[in-house]
Amino acid sequence: MDLFSPIDLGDLHLANRVVMAPLTRVRSGAEGVPTPLVAEHYAQRASVGMIISEGVYPGPESRGYFGQPGIVTDEQEAGWKRVADAVHAEGGTIVMQLMHSGRVSHPDLSGSDRTLAPSAVAIDGDVHTQHGKKQHVVPHALTADELAVVREEFVTAARRARRAGFDGVELHGANGYLLHQFLSPASNVRDDAWGGSPEARARFVIEVAQAVVAEVGAGRVGIRISPANQAQDAFETDEAETRATYRALLDGLRPLGLAYLSVLHAEPAGALAQDLREWFGGKVVVNSGFGSPTSRDEAVALIEQAHADAVAVGRAVIANPDLVERWKQGAPENEPRPQLFYSEGAEAYTDYPRLSA
């Protein structure tokens, strides 16, 4: 197999094995409604095997960034339908990443008087809001009844995503957001059924996956994880405990038959990532993470050496809407403009030139 060969991940058909990683771009305004510009951005990149959307908030208290899009209101759903239609018109496949920010959020962002988390443990540091930098607040520890509400928000969001025309959904269990907060012993200090042991910390993530699968079908559901990524204070520093937690998670997910597992790890060909692949027992997408932008050579090698079934690519896809064509030809690439990743408008968003230009 090679990077440019087709593959099926569950019910998702990929024309090649280059996956657009989920990339926050905050272009959806105060109301979180994807605009025609957002639709243009994704449609430009439809030649990748699969697009994973930026993280989309599934509930009113789950927004983590100003300008982040949601899938809570009818207006947001209609905006996402415009995106899905545009991608499909170009022959692409697109999955919506459902991202509950949990304690990463702030009352200024969510419009609530609280943030939500497994436990009342704050992130050390500041968060960017529309009113400037604010210190992270001590979150509200979710009760058992509230966990059921959050779980149902994921289900409703998945239903809306499918109704908007998305081919599937990805659960964001990485990078220190809510589902990852349950997995980390630093952010989850509960002593009930959802904390206190690797199996208990994995429980809520498994329950969310089960509920979403029951709604839209396992073949259209993926999940992203980032073990030991140490992001946003979701620390996982004990190697044995980390392995036990993710083994428990994947033991719970494996019987569901999910479409894919996406692993964000600095060493995608290393022992932990490959053990995760074995424990999952299904198709795996890998990504080497923020510190090391994925190159063509790395992506080709990961597939040819059978370390993964597909490769998620971030910055190179931002800067090259026709990245697959460029990589096939070994052509030069545009350089990304990171200073404009989180700005507004078309600049460094839809204005990167194609090779044909």
Protein backbone atom coordinates (compact mmCIF):
# COMPACT_ATOMS: atom_id res chain seq x y z
CA MET A 1 0.00 0.00 0.00
CA ASP A 2 1.10 3.59 -0.50
CA LEU A 3 0.03 7.05 0.63
CA PHE A 4 -1.94 7.74 -2.53
CA SER A 5 -3.95 4.51 -2.61
CA PRO A 6 -7.61 4.44 -1.53
CA ILE A 7 -8.82 2.99 1.74
CA ASP A 8 -12.08 2.52 3.58
CA LEU A 9 -12.29 3.46 7.25
CA GLY A 10 -15.54 1.86 8.30
CA ASP A 11 -18.21 3.44 6.11
CA LEU A 12 -15.88 6.28 5.10
CA HIS A 13 -14.29 6.01 1.66
CA LEU A 14 -10.96 7.79 1.24
CA ALA A 15 -9.50 8.33 -2.22
CA ASN A 16 -6.02 8.53 -0.65
CA ARG A 17 -4.48 8.25 2.82
CA VAL A 18 -3.74 11.91 3.41
CA VAL A 19 -6.13 13.20 6.08
CA MET A 20 -6.62 16.87 6.87
CA ALA A 21 -6.05 17.14 10.62
CA PRO A 22 -8.55 19.07 12.74
CA LEU A 23 -7.31 22.65 12.72
CA THR A 24 -8.83 25.43 14.81
CA ARG A 25 -9.12 28.60 12.67
CA VAL A 26 -11.71 30.74 14.54
CA ARG A 27 -13.39 32.14 11.42
CA SER A 28 -17.01 31.61 12.51
CA GLY A 29 -17.75 34.79 14.45
CA ALA A 30 -19.54 35.49 17.69
CA GLU A 31 -22.45 33.19 16.87
CA GLY A 32 -20.30 30.21 15.87
CA VAL A 33 -21.94 29.90 12.44
CA PRO A 34 -19.68 28.71 9.59
CA THR A 35 -19.70 31.28 6.80
CA PRO A 36 -19.36 30.89 3.00
CA LEU A 37 -15.65 31.63 3.51
CA VAL A 38 -15.39 28.59 5.80
CA ALA A 39 -17.12 26.48 3.15
CA GLU A 40 -14.68 27.74 0.52
CA HIS A 41 -11.71 26.89 2.75
CA TYR A 42 -12.78 23.28 3.21
CA ALA A 43 -13.88 22.80 -0.41
CA GLN A 44 -10.44 23.95 -1.59
CA ARG A 45 -8.94 21.02 0.32
CA ALA A 46 -11.38 18.32 -0.79
CA SER A 47 -8.72 16.35 -2.68
CA VAL A 48 -7.31 14.94 0.57
CA GLY A 49 -8.62 11.49 1.40
CA MET A 50 -10.64 12.83 4.31
CA ILE A 51 -11.14 16.21 5.95
CA ILE A 52 -11.53 16.31 9.72
CA SER A 53 -13.15 19.61 10.58
CA GLU A 54 -11.85 21.98 13.19
CA GLY A 55 -13.14 21.24 16.69
CA VAL A 56 -16.87 22.02 16.84
CA TYR A 57 -18.56 22.64 20.18
CA PRO A 58 -21.49 20.28 20.87
CA GLY A 59 -23.17 22.11 23.77
CA PRO A 60 -23.77 25.69 24.91
CA GLU A 61 -21.17 25.49 27.71
CA SER A 62 -18.50 23.74 25.66
CA ARG A 63 -17.07 26.53 23.49
CA GLY A 64 -13.34 27.01 24.00
CA TYR A 65 -12.48 29.86 21.64
CA PHE A 66 -14.11 33.01 20.34
CA GLY A 67 -14.88 32.43 16.67
CA GLN A 68 -15.05 28.66 17.14
CA PRO A 69 -18.00 27.09 15.28
CA GLY A 70 -20.70 25.10 17.03
CA ILE A 71 -23.31 22.51 16.10
CA VAL A 72 -25.88 23.53 18.71
CA THR A 73 -28.31 25.79 16.85
CA ASP A 74 -30.26 25.46 13.61
CA GLU A 75 -28.23 28.35 12.16
CA GLN A 76 -24.97 26.54 12.91
CA GLU A 77 -26.30 23.35 11.38
CA ALA A 78 -27.30 25.25 8.23
CA GLY A 79 -23.82 26.77 8.05
CA TRP A 80 -22.24 23.34 8.29
CA LYS A 81 -24.59 22.02 5.60
CA ARG A 82 -23.14 24.65 3.29
CA VAL A 83 -19.66 23.34 4.16
CA ALA A 84 -20.55 19.67 3.61
CA ASP A 85 -22.28 20.43 0.32
CA ALA A 86 -19.27 22.39 -0.91
CA VAL A 87 -16.83 19.60 -0.03
CA HIS A 88 -19.01 16.92 -1.59
CA ALA A 89 -19.38 19.00 -4.77
CA GLU A 90 -15.59 18.70 -5.10
CA GLY A 91 -15.69 14.94 -4.50
CA GLY A 92 -14.41 15.04 -0.94
CA THR A 93 -15.17 13.24 2.32
CA ILE A 94 -15.62 15.26 5.51
CA VAL A 95 -16.01 14.31 9.16
CA MET A 96 -16.94 16.72 11.97
CA GLN A 97 -14.78 16.75 15.07
CA LEU A 98 -16.92 17.18 18.19
CA MET A 99 -14.91 19.06 20.81
CA HIS A 100 -16.17 19.82 24.30
CA SER A 101 -13.60 22.18 25.80
CA GLY A 102 -14.43 21.45 29.43
CA ARG A 103 -12.24 23.47 31.79
CA VAL A 104 -10.30 24.98 28.87
CA SER A 105 -13.28 27.30 28.34
CA HIS A 106 -14.14 30.45 30.27
CA PRO A 107 -17.46 32.03 31.26
CA ASP A 108 -16.76 34.90 28.84
CA LEU A 109 -16.60 32.40 25.98
CA SER A 110 -19.48 30.14 26.92
CA GLY A 111 -21.90 32.75 28.24
CA SER A 112 -22.36 30.53 31.28
CA ASP A 113 -21.38 31.30 34.85
CA ARG A 114 -19.16 28.22 35.05
CA THR A 115 -16.88 25.88 33.18
CA LEU A 116 -17.26 22.10 33.32
CA ALA A 117 -14.74 19.39 34.11
CA PRO A 118 -14.39 15.98 35.72
CA SER A 119 -13.06 17.65 38.89
CA ALA A 120 -12.73 21.12 40.39
CA VAL A 121 -9.10 21.49 39.28
CA ALA A 122 -8.21 24.60 37.29
CA ILE A 123 -5.67 24.95 34.52
CA ASP A 124 -2.69 27.03 35.64
CA GLY A 125 -2.57 30.03 33.33
CA ASP A 126 -4.62 32.30 31.12
CA VAL A 127 -7.17 31.83 28.37
CA HIS A 128 -7.78 34.15 25.40
CA THR A 129 -11.31 35.56 25.36
CA GLN A 130 -13.02 38.24 23.28
CA HIS A 131 -12.30 40.56 26.21
CA GLY A 132 -8.59 39.79 26.38
CA LYS A 133 -6.64 37.34 28.50
CA LYS A 134 -8.39 35.97 31.56
CA GLN A 135 -7.19 33.54 34.21
CA HIS A 136 -8.64 30.05 33.97
CA VAL A 137 -11.40 29.57 36.53
CA VAL A 138 -11.86 26.66 38.90
CA PRO A 139 -14.30 24.42 37.03
CA HIS A 140 -17.51 22.84 38.25
CA ALA A 141 -17.11 19.09 38.78
CA LEU A 142 -19.81 17.38 36.74
CA THR A 143 -22.34 15.35 38.71
CA ALA A 144 -23.58 11.97 37.52
CA ASP A 145 -26.80 13.57 36.23
CA GLU A 146 -24.82 16.27 34.42
CA LEU A 147 -22.60 13.66 32.78
CA ALA A 148 -25.73 12.23 31.18
CA VAL A 149 -26.60 15.71 29.85
CA VAL A 150 -23.14 16.18 28.35
CA ARG A 151 -23.26 12.72 26.81
CA GLU A 152 -26.59 13.57 25.19
CA GLU A 153 -25.11 16.81 23.82
CA PHE A 154 -22.54 14.72 21.92
CA VAL A 155 -25.35 12.51 20.60
CA THR A 156 -27.46 15.47 19.46
CA ALA A 157 -24.41 17.10 17.87
CA ALA A 158 -23.63 13.89 15.95
CA ARG A 159 -27.23 13.73 14.77
CA ARG A 160 -27.04 17.34 13.58
CA ALA A 161 -23.71 16.70 11.84
CA ARG A 162 -25.16 13.81 9.87
CA ARG A 163 -28.29 15.83 9.08
CA ALA A 164 -26.02 18.60 7.76
CA GLY A 165 -24.49 16.07 5.37
CA PHE A 166 -21.25 15.17 7.12
CA ASP A 167 -19.97 11.69 6.38
CA GLY A 168 -19.18 11.01 10.03
CA VAL A 169 -17.97 12.45 13.33
CA GLU A 170 -14.76 12.32 15.33
CA LEU A 171 -14.79 12.49 19.13
CA HIS A 172 -12.04 14.79 20.41
CA GLY A 173 -10.39 12.85 23.22
CA ALA A 174 -7.04 14.64 22.92
CA ASN A 175 -5.12 17.84 23.69
CA GLY A 176 -6.50 18.50 27.15
CA TYR A 177 -10.17 18.99 26.28
CA LEU A 178 -13.05 17.48 28.23
CA LEU A 179 -12.79 13.83 27.21
CA HIS A 180 -9.03 13.93 27.68
CA GLN A 181 -9.58 15.61 31.07
CA PHE A 182 -11.41 12.45 32.16
CA LEU A 183 -8.46 10.28 31.09
CA SER A 184 -5.76 12.30 32.86
CA PRO A 185 -5.14 11.62 36.57
CA ALA A 186 -4.09 15.27 36.93
CA SER A 187 -7.45 16.67 35.84
CA ASN A 188 -9.65 13.76 36.99
CA VAL A 189 -9.35 13.26 40.76
CA ARG A 190 -12.83 11.79 41.20
CA ASP A 191 -13.40 8.88 43.56
CA ASP A 192 -16.66 7.64 42.05
CA ALA A 193 -17.42 5.40 39.06
CA TRP A 194 -15.69 7.84 36.67
CA GLY A 195 -12.37 8.27 38.47
CA GLY A 196 -9.76 6.72 40.72
CA SER A 197 -8.46 3.98 38.42
CA PRO A 198 -7.52 3.64 34.75
CA GLU A 199 -10.78 1.79 34.03
CA ALA A 200 -12.89 4.40 35.80
CA ARG A 201 -11.15 7.35 34.12
CA ALA A 202 -11.81 5.75 30.73
CA ARG A 203 -15.47 5.10 31.51
CA PHE A 204 -17.04 8.40 30.44
CA VAL A 205 -15.19 8.48 27.12
CA ILE A 206 -16.41 4.95 26.39
CA GLU A 207 -19.96 5.90 27.37
CA VAL A 208 -19.94 8.88 25.02
CA ALA A 209 -18.62 6.71 22.18
CA GLN A 210 -21.26 4.06 22.82
CA ALA A 211 -24.04 6.64 22.75
CA VAL A 212 -22.81 8.32 19.58
CA VAL A 213 -22.38 4.95 17.85
CA ALA A 214 -25.96 4.05 18.78
CA GLU A 215 -27.09 7.28 17.09
CA VAL A 216 -25.09 7.37 13.83
CA GLY A 217 -23.44 3.95 13.47
CA ALA A 218 -19.93 2.77 14.35
CA GLY A 219 -18.74 2.95 10.75
CA ARG A 220 -19.12 6.73 10.83
CA VAL A 221 -17.45 7.42 14.19
CA GLY A 222 -13.77 7.94 14.91
CA ILE A 223 -11.94 9.13 18.00
CA ARG A 224 -8.74 11.12 18.50
CA ILE A 225 -6.40 10.61 21.45
CA SER A 226 -3.02 12.06 22.46
CA PRO A 227 -1.46 9.96 25.24
CA ALA A 228 1.27 11.72 27.24
CA ASN A 229 0.88 14.89 25.18
CA GLN A 230 0.88 16.99 28.41
CA ALA A 231 -1.45 19.53 26.80
CA GLN A 232 -3.36 22.12 28.83
CA ASP A 233 -2.42 20.53 32.15
CA ALA A 234 -3.96 17.15 31.29
CA PHE A 235 -0.71 15.64 32.51
CA GLU A 236 0.05 11.96 31.93
CA THR A 237 3.55 11.60 33.29
CA ASP A 238 3.50 8.09 34.75
CA GLU A 239 4.19 5.80 31.80
CA ALA A 240 2.70 2.68 33.38
CA GLU A 241 -0.47 4.48 34.43
CA THR A 242 -0.81 6.10 31.01
CA ARG A 243 -0.52 2.76 29.28
CA ALA A 244 -3.04 1.21 31.66
CA THR A 245 -5.53 4.04 31.09
CA TYR A 246 -5.36 3.86 27.31
CA ARG A 247 -5.41 0.08 27.35
CA ALA A 248 -8.64 0.30 29.39
CA LEU A 249 -10.02 2.89 26.97
CA LEU A 250 -9.30 0.82 23.89
CA ASP A 251 -10.53 -2.39 25.52
CA GLY A 252 -13.84 -0.55 25.93
CA LEU A 253 -13.86 0.92 22.43
CA ARG A 254 -12.69 -2.15 20.51
CA PRO A 255 -16.05 -4.02 20.64
CA LEU A 256 -17.80 -1.00 19.11
CA GLY A 257 -16.03 -1.39 15.76
CA LEU A 258 -15.30 2.32 15.28
CA ALA A 259 -14.30 3.57 11.85
CA TYR A 260 -10.86 4.62 13.04
CA LEU A 261 -8.60 5.66 15.88
CA SER A 262 -6.57 8.85 15.40
CA VAL A 263 -3.37 8.96 17.45
CA LEU A 264 -1.49 12.19 18.03
CA HIS A 265 1.96 11.30 19.31
CA ALA A 266 5.51 12.55 18.77
CA GLU A 267 6.62 9.05 17.73
CA PRO A 268 3.83 7.57 15.57
CA ALA A 269 6.03 4.61 14.67
CA GLY A 270 7.13 4.11 18.28
CA ALA A 271 6.19 1.46 20.81
CA LEU A 272 3.26 3.24 22.47
CA ALA A 273 1.56 4.29 19.25
CA GLN A 274 1.95 0.82 17.80
CA ASP A 275 0.63 -0.80 20.99
CA LEU A 276 -2.40 1.49 20.80
CA ARG A 277 -2.96 0.28 17.27
CA GLU A 278 -2.84 -3.33 18.39
CA TRP A 279 -5.18 -2.72 21.33
CA PHE A 280 -7.66 -0.90 19.11
CA GLY A 281 -7.72 -3.67 16.52
CA GLY A 282 -8.95 -1.44 13.69
CA LYS A 283 -7.81 1.24 11.25
CA VAL A 284 -5.49 3.89 12.68
CA VAL A 285 -4.66 7.43 11.55
CA VAL A 286 -1.45 8.90 12.99
CA ASN A 287 -0.11 12.42 13.41
CA SER A 288 3.25 13.41 14.86
CA GLY A 289 1.88 16.50 16.54
CA PHE A 290 2.47 20.20 16.99
CA GLY A 291 6.23 20.17 17.43
CA SER A 292 7.02 18.39 14.17
CA PRO A 293 5.06 19.34 11.03
CA THR A 294 4.38 16.23 8.95
CA SER A 295 6.50 16.08 5.80
CA ARG A 296 5.87 14.15 2.62
CA ASP A 297 8.74 11.78 3.37
CA GLU A 298 7.43 11.02 6.85
CA ALA A 299 3.89 10.41 5.60
CA VAL A 300 5.07 8.13 2.80
CA ALA A 301 7.27 6.14 5.16
CA LEU A 302 4.56 5.68 7.79
CA ILE A 303 2.28 4.07 5.21
CA GLU A 304 4.90 2.08 3.31
CA GLN A 305 6.32 0.68 6.56
CA ALA A 306 2.78 -0.24 7.71
CA HIS A 307 2.88 1.91 10.84
CA ALA A 308 -0.54 3.40 10.06
CA ASP A 309 -3.45 3.20 7.65
CA ALA A 310 -3.57 6.96 7.01
CA VAL A 311 -1.68 10.08 8.09
CA ALA A 312 -3.21 13.28 9.45
CA VAL A 313 -1.48 16.43 8.19
CA GLY A 314 -1.89 19.93 9.59
CA ARG A 315 0.21 22.89 8.54
CA ALA A 316 1.05 21.56 5.09
CA VAL A 317 -2.68 21.29 4.30
CA ILE A 318 -3.29 24.79 5.64
CA ALA A 319 -0.75 26.22 3.20
CA ASN A 320 -1.42 23.92 0.24
CA PRO A 321 -5.04 23.33 -0.76
CA ASP A 322 -3.75 20.95 -3.43
CA LEU A 323 -1.28 19.16 -1.16
CA VAL A 324 -2.01 15.68 -2.51
CA GLU A 325 -1.20 16.78 -6.06
CA ARG A 326 1.99 18.47 -4.89
CA TRP A 327 3.08 15.40 -2.93
CA LYS A 328 2.35 13.10 -5.85
CA GLN A 329 4.58 15.22 -8.08
CA GLY A 330 7.19 15.99 -5.45
CA ALA A 331 6.47 19.65 -6.17
CA PRO A 332 7.45 22.62 -3.97
CA GLU A 333 5.06 23.66 -1.20
CA ASN A 334 3.74 27.00 -0.06
CA GLU A 335 4.97 28.10 3.35
CA PRO A 336 2.28 28.50 6.02
CA ARG A 337 1.80 31.88 7.70
CA PRO A 338 1.30 30.93 11.36
CA GLN A 339 0.97 34.53 12.52
CA LEU A 340 -2.38 34.57 10.70
CA PHE A 341 -3.67 31.11 11.71
CA TYR A 342 -6.11 32.64 14.20
CA SER A 343 -6.97 35.91 12.50
CA GLU A 344 -10.06 36.84 10.51
CA GLY A 345 -10.90 36.86 6.83
CA ALA A 346 -9.46 35.22 3.74
CA GLU A 347 -5.79 36.09 4.25
CA ALA A 348 -3.76 32.94 5.02
CA TYR A 349 -7.03 31.01 4.88
CA THR A 350 -8.34 30.78 1.31
CA ASP A 351 -5.65 32.73 -0.55
CA TYR A 352 -2.85 30.15 -0.70
CA PRO A 353 -2.06 29.59 -4.40
CA ARG A 354 -2.49 26.26 -6.16
CA LEU A 355 0.33 24.65 -8.08
CA SER A 356 -1.48 25.39 -11.33
CA ALA A 357 -1.21 29.12 -10.56
